[in-house]
PDB file of N, CA and C in Angstrom:
ATOM      1  N   MET A   1     -21.469 -89.047 -20.592  1.00  0.00           N
ATOM      2  CA  MET A   1     -21.518 -89.364 -19.503  1.00  0.00           C
ATOM      3  C   MET A   1     -21.433 -87.875 -18.468  1.00  0.00           C
ATOM      4  N   THR A   2     -22.032 -88.176 -17.368  1.00  0.00           N
ATOM      5  CA  THR A   2     -22.108 -86.848 -16.721  1.00  0.00           C
ATOM      6  C   THR A   2     -21.204 -87.143 -15.306  1.00  0.00           C
ATOM      7  N   ASP A   3     -21.155 -86.062 -14.549  1.00  0.00           N
ATOM      8  CA  ASP A   3     -20.309 -86.329 -13.401  1.00  0.00           C
ATOM      9  C   ASP A   3     -21.768 -85.948 -12.323  1.00  0.00           C
ATOM     10  N   LYS A   4     -22.562 -86.202 -12.708  1.00  0.00           N
ATOM     11  CA  LYS A   4     -24.356 -86.038 -11.406  1.00  0.00           C
ATOM     12  C   LYS A   4     -24.209 -87.402 -11.037  1.00  0.00           C
ATOM     13  N   LYS A   5     -24.007 -87.092  -9.653  1.00  0.00           N
ATOM     14  CA  LYS A   5     -24.664 -88.135  -8.780  1.00  0.00           C
ATOM     15  C   LYS A   5     -25.885 -88.250  -8.594  1.00  0.00           C
ATOM     16  N   LYS A   6     -25.907 -90.169  -8.831  1.00  0.00           N
ATOM     17  CA  LYS A   6     -27.137 -90.154  -8.826  1.00  0.00           C
ATOM     18  C   LYS A   6     -27.733 -90.382  -7.315  1.00  0.00           C
ATOM     19  N   ASN A   7     -29.073 -90.531  -7.655  1.00  0.00           N
ATOM     20  CA  ASN A   7     -29.826 -90.251  -6.412  1.00  0.00           C
ATOM     21  C   ASN A   7     -30.491 -91.806  -5.923  1.00  0.00           C
ATOM     22  N   ASP A   8     -30.223 -92.581  -6.595  1.00  0.00           N
ATOM     23  CA  ASP A   8     -30.797 -94.120  -6.272  1.00  0.00           C
ATOM     24  C   ASP A   8     -29.733 -94.997  -5.798  1.00  0.00           C
ATOM     25  N   GLY A   9     -28.668 -94.485  -5.503  1.00  0.00           N
ATOM     26  CA  GLY A   9     -28.015 -95.431  -4.614  1.00  0.00           C
ATOM     27  C   GLY A   9     -27.056 -96.098  -5.490  1.00  0.00           C
ATOM     28  N   ARG A  10     -27.242 -96.176  -6.671  1.00  0.00           N
ATOM     29  CA  ARG A  10     -26.323 -97.052  -7.850  1.00  0.00           C
ATOM     30  C   ARG A  10     -25.223 -96.207  -8.069  1.00  0.00           C
ATOM     31  N   ALA A  11     -23.940 -97.149  -8.364  1.00  0.00           N
ATOM     32  CA  ALA A  11     -22.839 -96.294  -8.727  1.00  0.00           C
ATOM     33  C   ALA A  11     -22.552 -96.726 -10.034  1.00  0.00           C
ATOM     34  N   ASP A  12     -21.466 -95.954 -10.406  1.00  0.00           N
ATOM     35  CA  ASP A  12     -21.130 -95.838 -12.090  1.00  0.00           C
ATOM     36  C   ASP A  12     -20.619 -97.428 -12.500  1.00  0.00           C
ATOM     37  N   PRO A  13     -20.882 -98.228 -13.081  1.00  0.00           N
ATOM     38  CA  PRO A  13     -20.070 -99.206 -13.531  1.00  0.00           C
ATOM     39  C   PRO A  13     -18.646 -98.905 -14.311  1.00  0.00           C
ATOM     40  N   VAL A  14     -17.719 -99.789 -14.071  1.00  0.00           N
ATOM     41  CA  VAL A  14     -16.297 -99.552 -14.837  1.00  0.00           C
ATOM     42  C   VAL A  14     -16.278-100.891 -15.091  1.00  0.00           C
ATOM     43  N   LEU A  15     -15.574-101.171 -16.443  1.00  0.00           N
ATOM     44  CA  LEU A  15     -15.057-102.332 -17.111  1.00  0.00           C
ATOM     45  C   LEU A  15     -13.580-102.368 -16.904  1.00  0.00           C
ATOM     46  N   VAL A  16     -12.719-103.154 -16.610  1.00  0.00           N
ATOM     47  CA  VAL A  16     -11.445-103.066 -16.431  1.00  0.00           C
ATOM     48  C   VAL A  16     -10.796-104.648 -17.044  1.00  0.00           C
ATOM     49  N   ARG A  17     -10.198-104.777 -17.872  1.00  0.00           N
ATOM     50  CA  ARG A  17      -9.637-105.706 -18.362  1.00  0.00           C
ATOM     51  C   ARG A  17      -8.052-106.147 -17.544  1.00  0.00           C
ATOM     52  N   LEU A  18      -7.978-107.151 -16.952  1.00  0.00           N
ATOM     53  CA  LEU A  18      -6.917-107.985 -16.206  1.00  0.00           C
ATOM     54  C   LEU A  18      -6.022-108.632 -16.964  1.00  0.00           C
ATOM     55  N   PRO A  19      -4.242-108.423 -16.947  1.00  0.00           N
ATOM     56  CA  PRO A  19      -4.361-109.900 -17.610  1.00  0.00           C
ATOM     57  C   PRO A  19      -4.244-110.918 -16.582  1.00  0.00           C
ATOM     58  N   GLU A  20      -3.887-111.957 -17.199  1.00  0.00           N
ATOM     59  CA  GLU A  20      -4.199-113.557 -15.998  1.00  0.00           C
ATOM     60  C   GLU A  20      -3.103-113.838 -14.712  1.00  0.00           C
ATOM     61  N   GLU A  21      -1.911-112.668 -14.971  1.00  0.00           N
ATOM     62  CA  GLU A  21      -1.031-112.704 -13.559  1.00  0.00           C
ATOM     63  C   GLU A  21      -1.862-111.927 -12.499  1.00  0.00           C
ATOM     64  N   LEU A  22      -2.300-110.725 -12.993  1.00  0.00           N
ATOM     65  CA  LEU A  22      -3.109-109.906 -12.026  1.00  0.00           C
ATOM     66  C   LEU A  22      -4.458-110.674 -11.551  1.00  0.00           C
ATOM     67  N   MET A  23      -4.894-111.447 -12.331  1.00  0.00           N
ATOM     68  CA  MET A  23      -6.435-112.059 -12.309  1.00  0.00           C
ATOM     69  C   MET A  23      -5.801-112.986 -11.074  1.00  0.00           C
ATOM     70  N   ARG A  24      -4.693-113.737 -11.354  1.00  0.00           N
ATOM     71  CA  ARG A  24      -4.461-114.941 -10.202  1.00  0.00           C
ATOM     72  C   ARG A  24      -4.126-114.402  -8.601  1.00  0.00           C
ATOM     73  N   ALA A  25      -3.315-113.156  -9.065  1.00  0.00           N
ATOM     74  CA  ALA A  25      -3.450-112.182  -7.675  1.00  0.00           C
ATOM     75  C   ALA A  25      -4.495-111.837  -6.838  1.00  0.00           C
ATOM     76  N   LEU A  26      -5.258-111.483  -7.628  1.00  0.00           N
ATOM     77  CA  LEU A  26      -6.324-111.095  -7.236  1.00  0.00           C
ATOM     78  C   LEU A  26      -7.392-112.400  -6.545  1.00  0.00           C
ATOM     79  N   ASP A  27      -7.333-113.406  -7.373  1.00  0.00           N
ATOM     80  CA  ASP A  27      -7.922-114.465  -6.816  1.00  0.00           C
ATOM     81  C   ASP A  27      -7.412-115.200  -5.321  1.00  0.00           C
ATOM     82  N   ALA A  28      -5.869-115.216  -5.596  1.00  0.00           N
ATOM     83  CA  ALA A  28      -5.567-115.392  -4.305  1.00  0.00           C
ATOM     84  C   ALA A  28      -5.764-114.563  -3.338  1.00  0.00           C
ATOM     85  N   MET A  29      -5.560-113.404  -3.484  1.00  0.00           N
ATOM     86  CA  MET A  29      -6.145-112.382  -2.385  1.00  0.00           C
ATOM     87  C   MET A  29      -7.249-112.680  -1.742  1.00  0.00           C
ATOM     88  N   ARG A  30      -8.209-112.758  -2.635  1.00  0.00           N
ATOM     89  CA  ARG A  30      -9.539-113.368  -2.354  1.00  0.00           C
ATOM     90  C   ARG A  30      -9.893-114.534  -1.402  1.00  0.00           C
ATOM     91  N   ARG A  31      -9.265-115.331  -1.719  1.00  0.00           N
ATOM     92  CA  ARG A  31      -9.053-116.665  -0.668  1.00  0.00           C
ATOM     93  C   ARG A  31      -8.614-116.400   0.592  1.00  0.00           C
ATOM     94  N   ALA A  32      -7.513-115.645   0.407  1.00  0.00           N
ATOM     95  CA  ALA A  32      -7.073-115.299   1.674  1.00  0.00           C
ATOM     96  C   ALA A  32      -8.178-114.847   2.735  1.00  0.00           C
ATOM     97  N   GLU A  33      -9.124-114.073   2.448  1.00  0.00           N
ATOM     98  CA  GLU A  33     -10.305-113.424   3.353  1.00  0.00           C
ATOM     99  C   GLU A  33     -10.550-114.473   3.638  1.00  0.00           C
ATOM    100  N   GLU A  34     -11.151-114.063   5.039  1.00  0.00           N
ATOM    101  CA  GLU A  34     -12.137-115.166   5.759  1.00  0.00           C
ATOM    102  C   GLU A  34     -13.043-115.376   5.121  1.00  0.00           C
ATOM    103  N   ASP A  35     -14.290-114.481   4.866  1.00  0.00           N
ATOM    104  CA  ASP A  35     -15.140-114.757   3.787  1.00  0.00           C
ATOM    105  C   ASP A  35     -14.894-114.387   2.686  1.00  0.00           C
ATOM    106  N   PRO A  36     -14.464-114.998   1.896  1.00  0.00           N
ATOM    107  CA  PRO A  36     -14.096-114.685   0.276  1.00  0.00           C
ATOM    108  C   PRO A  36     -15.092-113.593  -0.439  1.00  0.00           C
ATOM    109  N   PRO A  37     -14.755-112.528  -0.958  1.00  0.00           N
ATOM    110  CA  PRO A  37     -15.847-111.557  -1.088  1.00  0.00           C
ATOM    111  C   PRO A  37     -15.292-111.794  -2.973  1.00  0.00           C
ATOM    112  N   THR A  38     -16.690-111.118  -3.910  1.00  0.00           N
ATOM    113  CA  THR A  38     -16.309-111.411  -5.272  1.00  0.00           C
ATOM    114  C   THR A  38     -15.120-110.884  -6.014  1.00  0.00           C
ATOM    115  N   ARG A  39     -14.993-110.758  -6.753  1.00  0.00           N
ATOM    116  CA  ARG A  39     -13.832-110.032  -7.871  1.00  0.00           C
ATOM    117  C   ARG A  39     -13.982-108.634  -7.785  1.00  0.00           C
ATOM    118  N   PRO A  40     -15.560-107.815  -8.293  1.00  0.00           N
ATOM    119  CA  PRO A  40     -15.682-106.672  -7.937  1.00  0.00           C
ATOM    120  C   PRO A  40     -15.321-106.223  -6.706  1.00  0.00           C
ATOM    121  N   GLU A  41     -15.560-106.870  -5.542  1.00  0.00           N
ATOM    122  CA  GLU A  41     -15.998-106.611  -4.256  1.00  0.00           C
ATOM    123  C   GLU A  41     -14.287-106.454  -3.899  1.00  0.00           C
ATOM    124  N   MET A  42     -13.513-107.445  -4.355  1.00  0.00           N
ATOM    125  CA  MET A  42     -12.208-107.617  -4.001  1.00  0.00           C
ATOM    126  C   MET A  42     -11.400-105.881  -4.440  1.00  0.00           C
ATOM    127  N   ILE A  43     -11.664-105.777  -5.650  1.00  0.00           N
ATOM    128  CA  ILE A  43     -11.248-104.672  -6.420  1.00  0.00           C
ATOM    129  C   ILE A  43     -11.632-103.360  -5.560  1.00  0.00           C
ATOM    130  N   ARG A  44     -12.894-103.121  -5.065  1.00  0.00           N
ATOM    131  CA  ARG A  44     -13.222-102.121  -4.194  1.00  0.00           C
ATOM    132  C   ARG A  44     -12.210-102.163  -3.016  1.00  0.00           C
ATOM    133  N   ARG A  45     -11.961-103.276  -2.428  1.00  0.00           N
ATOM    134  CA  ARG A  45     -11.210-102.917  -1.285  1.00  0.00           C
ATOM    135  C   ARG A  45     -10.442-102.652  -1.252  1.00  0.00           C
ATOM    136  N   ILE A  46      -9.446-103.212  -2.463  1.00  0.00           N
ATOM    137  CA  ILE A  46      -8.018-102.775  -2.895  1.00  0.00           C
ATOM    138  C   ILE A  46      -8.083-101.111  -3.149  1.00  0.00           C
ATOM    139  N   LEU A  47      -8.849-101.013  -4.104  1.00  0.00           N
ATOM    140  CA  LEU A  47      -8.922 -99.666  -4.535  1.00  0.00           C
ATOM    141  C   LEU A  47      -9.017 -98.525  -3.385  1.00  0.00           C
ATOM    142  N   GLN A  48     -10.335 -99.175  -2.436  1.00  0.00           N
ATOM    143  CA  GLN A  48     -10.423 -98.110  -1.069  1.00  0.00           C
ATOM    144  C   GLN A  48      -9.349 -97.709  -0.158  1.00  0.00           C
ATOM    145  N   ALA A  49      -8.530 -99.079  -0.156  1.00  0.00           N
ATOM    146  CA  ALA A  49      -7.224 -98.843   0.998  1.00  0.00           C
ATOM    147  C   ALA A  49      -6.304 -98.543   0.184  1.00  0.00           C
ATOM    148  N   TRP A  50      -6.159 -98.227  -0.935  1.00  0.00           N
ATOM    149  CA  TRP A  50      -5.238 -97.301  -1.879  1.00  0.00           C
ATOM    150  C   TRP A  50      -5.267 -95.877  -1.754  1.00  0.00           C
ATOM    151  N   ILE A  51      -6.725 -95.658  -1.696  1.00  0.00           N
ATOM    152  CA  ILE A  51      -7.092 -94.104  -1.879  1.00  0.00           C
ATOM    153  C   ILE A  51      -6.894 -93.767  -0.220  1.00  0.00           C
ATOM    154  N   GLU A  52      -6.879 -94.411   0.557  1.00  0.00           N
ATOM    155  CA  GLU A  52      -6.767 -94.040   1.801  1.00  0.00           C
ATOM    156  C   GLU A  52      -5.620 -93.779   2.085  1.00  0.00           C
ATOM    157  N   GLN A  53      -4.716 -94.570   1.766  1.00  0.00           N
ATOM    158  CA  GLN A  53      -3.048 -94.564   2.046  1.00  0.00           C
ATOM    159  C   GLN A  53      -2.540 -93.389   1.204  1.00  0.00           C
ATOM    160  N   HIS A  54      -3.252 -92.889  -0.130  1.00  0.00           N
ATOM    161  CA  HIS A  54      -2.470 -91.935  -0.797  1.00  0.00           C
ATOM    162  C   HIS A  54      -3.383 -90.786  -0.822  1.00  0.00           C
ATOM    163  N   PRO A  55      -3.635 -89.959  -0.066  1.00  0.00           N
ATOM    164  CA  PRO A  55      -4.942 -88.787  -0.453  1.00  0.00           C
ATOM    165  C   PRO A  55      -4.401 -87.601  -1.204  1.00  0.00           C
ATOM    166  N   VAL A  56      -5.338 -86.994  -1.815  1.00  0.00           N
ATOM    167  CA  VAL A  56      -5.100 -86.018  -2.967  1.00  0.00           C
ATOM    168  C   VAL A  56      -4.835 -85.225  -2.199  1.00  0.00           C
ATOM    169  N   LYS A  57      -3.429 -84.556  -2.311  1.00  0.00           N
ATOM    170  CA  LYS A  57      -3.114 -83.168  -2.233  1.00  0.00           C
ATOM    171  C   LYS A  57      -3.965 -81.877  -2.671  1.00  0.00           C
ATOM    172  N   LYS A  58      -4.458 -81.237  -2.049  1.00  0.00           N
ATOM    173  CA  LYS A  58      -5.071 -79.856  -2.422  1.00  0.00           C
ATOM    174  C   LYS A  58      -4.070 -79.079  -2.612  1.00  0.00           C
TER     175      LYS A  58
END
């Protein structure tokens, strides 16, 4: 796998296995949204929020 950015707008896929407890929590968070997102979209939102709250120090 390379670190080169794709020019076609697609993102690299990531497979993540979640234990039942985390999956239930994820689904509960999705249901709490006004317009419930898909599981992958909810994971992207959670990850983006965490990254914004924890910037990498250079």
